[in-house]
Amino acid sequence: MDNEIQIKAEYSVQWMAVRLYGRVKQGNRTDVFSVAQPLTFNEVDAGSYNEPFLTLSMEDAEVLLQSLWDSGVRPRAVSDSLGELNATKTHLKDMQRLVFDGVK
């Protein structure tokens, strides 16, 4: 793929934050990349966004999403659901123990 964008998320204990890194593969070469530099912001009127600072294909967005997930980032709704699922599993194990341990 020409000019493939690669975004990586990484949790930094030192910064206590998720940090994003980006690079673009140049053409078909595997040894040449351009790296993203820190963003700068310019003052504009309220409500203005100008142009997007980054455009990702769906595939690249999925890679970024997976990288964020691997770094420990979870949407609140997913975190709540995972917590409820784990509580349900624990409850089920307790009920199985009560039922089957008493049947011997």
Protein backbone atom coordinates (compact mmCIF):
# COMPACT_ATOMS: atom_id res chain seq x y z
CA MET A 1 0.00 0.00 0.00
CA ASP A 2 1.41 3.42 -0.88
CA ASN A 3 1.89 5.92 1.95
CA GLU A 4 0.47 3.59 4.60
CA ILE A 5 -0.33 5.44 7.85
CA GLN A 6 0.67 3.61 11.01
CA ILE A 7 -0.58 4.85 14.38
CA LYS A 8 0.48 3.24 17.66
CA ALA A 9 -0.91 3.92 21.13
CA GLU A 10 1.14 3.18 24.21
CA TYR A 11 0.44 3.70 27.89
CA SER A 12 3.30 5.54 29.58
CA VAL A 13 3.74 4.93 33.30
CA GLN A 14 6.09 7.91 33.45
CA TRP A 15 3.51 10.29 31.95
CA MET A 16 0.47 8.41 33.34
CA ALA A 17 -1.16 8.89 29.95
CA VAL A 18 -1.72 7.17 26.64
CA ARG A 19 0.70 8.51 24.06
CA LEU A 20 0.16 8.27 20.30
CA TYR A 21 2.92 7.75 17.76
CA GLY A 22 2.51 7.95 14.01
CA ARG A 23 4.47 7.31 10.89
CA VAL A 24 3.84 6.91 7.18
CA LYS A 25 5.54 4.27 5.06
CA GLN A 26 6.88 5.88 1.90
CA GLY A 27 5.73 4.04 -1.21
CA ASN A 28 6.69 0.38 -1.51
CA ARG A 29 9.90 0.74 0.49
CA THR A 30 10.05 -1.00 3.86
CA ASP A 31 12.99 1.02 5.18
CA VAL A 32 11.78 4.62 4.70
CA PHE A 33 9.19 6.29 6.95
CA SER A 34 8.11 9.81 7.75
CA VAL A 35 7.27 10.28 11.44
CA ALA A 36 4.54 12.47 12.89
CA GLN A 37 5.59 15.49 14.91
CA PRO A 38 3.72 16.86 17.94
CA LEU A 39 0.54 18.73 17.05
CA THR A 40 0.42 22.49 17.22
CA PHE A 41 -2.76 24.48 17.68
CA ASN A 42 -3.69 27.85 16.22
CA GLU A 43 -6.27 30.18 17.71
CA VAL A 44 -9.57 30.32 15.75
CA ASP A 45 -13.11 31.49 16.34
CA ALA A 46 -15.30 29.32 18.57
CA GLY A 47 -16.91 26.49 16.63
CA SER A 48 -14.19 26.37 13.95
CA TYR A 49 -12.29 23.20 13.17
CA ASN A 50 -10.74 24.01 9.79
CA GLU A 51 -9.40 20.81 8.17
CA PRO A 52 -8.97 17.40 9.83
CA PHE A 53 -5.44 16.99 11.17
CA LEU A 54 -5.51 13.28 10.30
CA THR A 55 -7.51 11.06 7.97
CA LEU A 56 -7.42 7.28 8.51
CA SER A 57 -8.74 4.45 6.39
CA MET A 58 -11.06 2.06 8.20
CA GLU A 59 -8.23 -0.48 8.40
CA ASP A 60 -5.83 2.05 9.92
CA ALA A 61 -8.53 3.19 12.37
CA GLU A 62 -9.02 -0.43 13.44
CA VAL A 63 -5.27 -0.79 14.03
CA LEU A 64 -5.35 2.37 16.17
CA LEU A 65 -8.39 1.10 18.07
CA GLN A 66 -6.67 -2.23 18.76
CA SER A 67 -3.53 -0.41 19.87
CA LEU A 68 -5.59 1.74 22.28
CA TRP A 69 -7.33 -1.41 23.60
CA ASP A 70 -3.94 -3.10 24.11
CA SER A 71 -2.84 0.00 26.07
CA GLY A 72 -5.77 -0.43 28.46
CA VAL A 73 -8.19 2.13 27.02
CA ARG A 74 -11.81 0.97 27.28
CA PRO A 75 -15.04 2.79 26.45
CA ARG A 76 -17.07 3.24 29.65
CA ALA A 77 -19.99 1.20 28.34
CA VAL A 78 -17.66 -1.70 27.50
CA SER A 79 -15.92 -1.50 30.88
CA ASP A 80 -19.28 -1.56 32.67
CA SER A 81 -20.45 -4.52 30.57
CA LEU A 82 -17.23 -6.44 31.20
CA GLY A 83 -17.56 -5.82 34.93
CA GLU A 84 -21.16 -7.06 34.90
CA LEU A 85 -20.17 -10.13 32.88
CA ASN A 86 -17.38 -11.00 35.31
CA ALA A 87 -19.76 -10.58 38.26
CA THR A 88 -22.28 -12.89 36.55
CA LYS A 89 -19.56 -15.51 35.92
CA THR A 90 -18.50 -15.37 39.57
CA HIS A 91 -22.11 -15.69 40.71
CA LEU A 92 -22.66 -18.68 38.40
CA LYS A 93 -19.56 -20.42 39.79
CA ASP A 94 -20.84 -19.82 43.33
CA MET A 95 -24.24 -21.28 42.44
CA GLN A 96 -22.64 -24.32 40.78
CA ARG A 97 -20.50 -24.89 43.86
CA LEU A 98 -23.56 -24.73 46.11
CA VAL A 99 -25.56 -27.12 43.97
CA PHE A 100 -22.94 -29.67 43.02
CA ASP A 101 -20.91 -29.71 46.24
CA GLY A 102 -24.05 -30.57 48.22
CA VAL A 103 -25.15 -33.44 45.89
CA LYS A 104 -22.28 -35.89 46.52
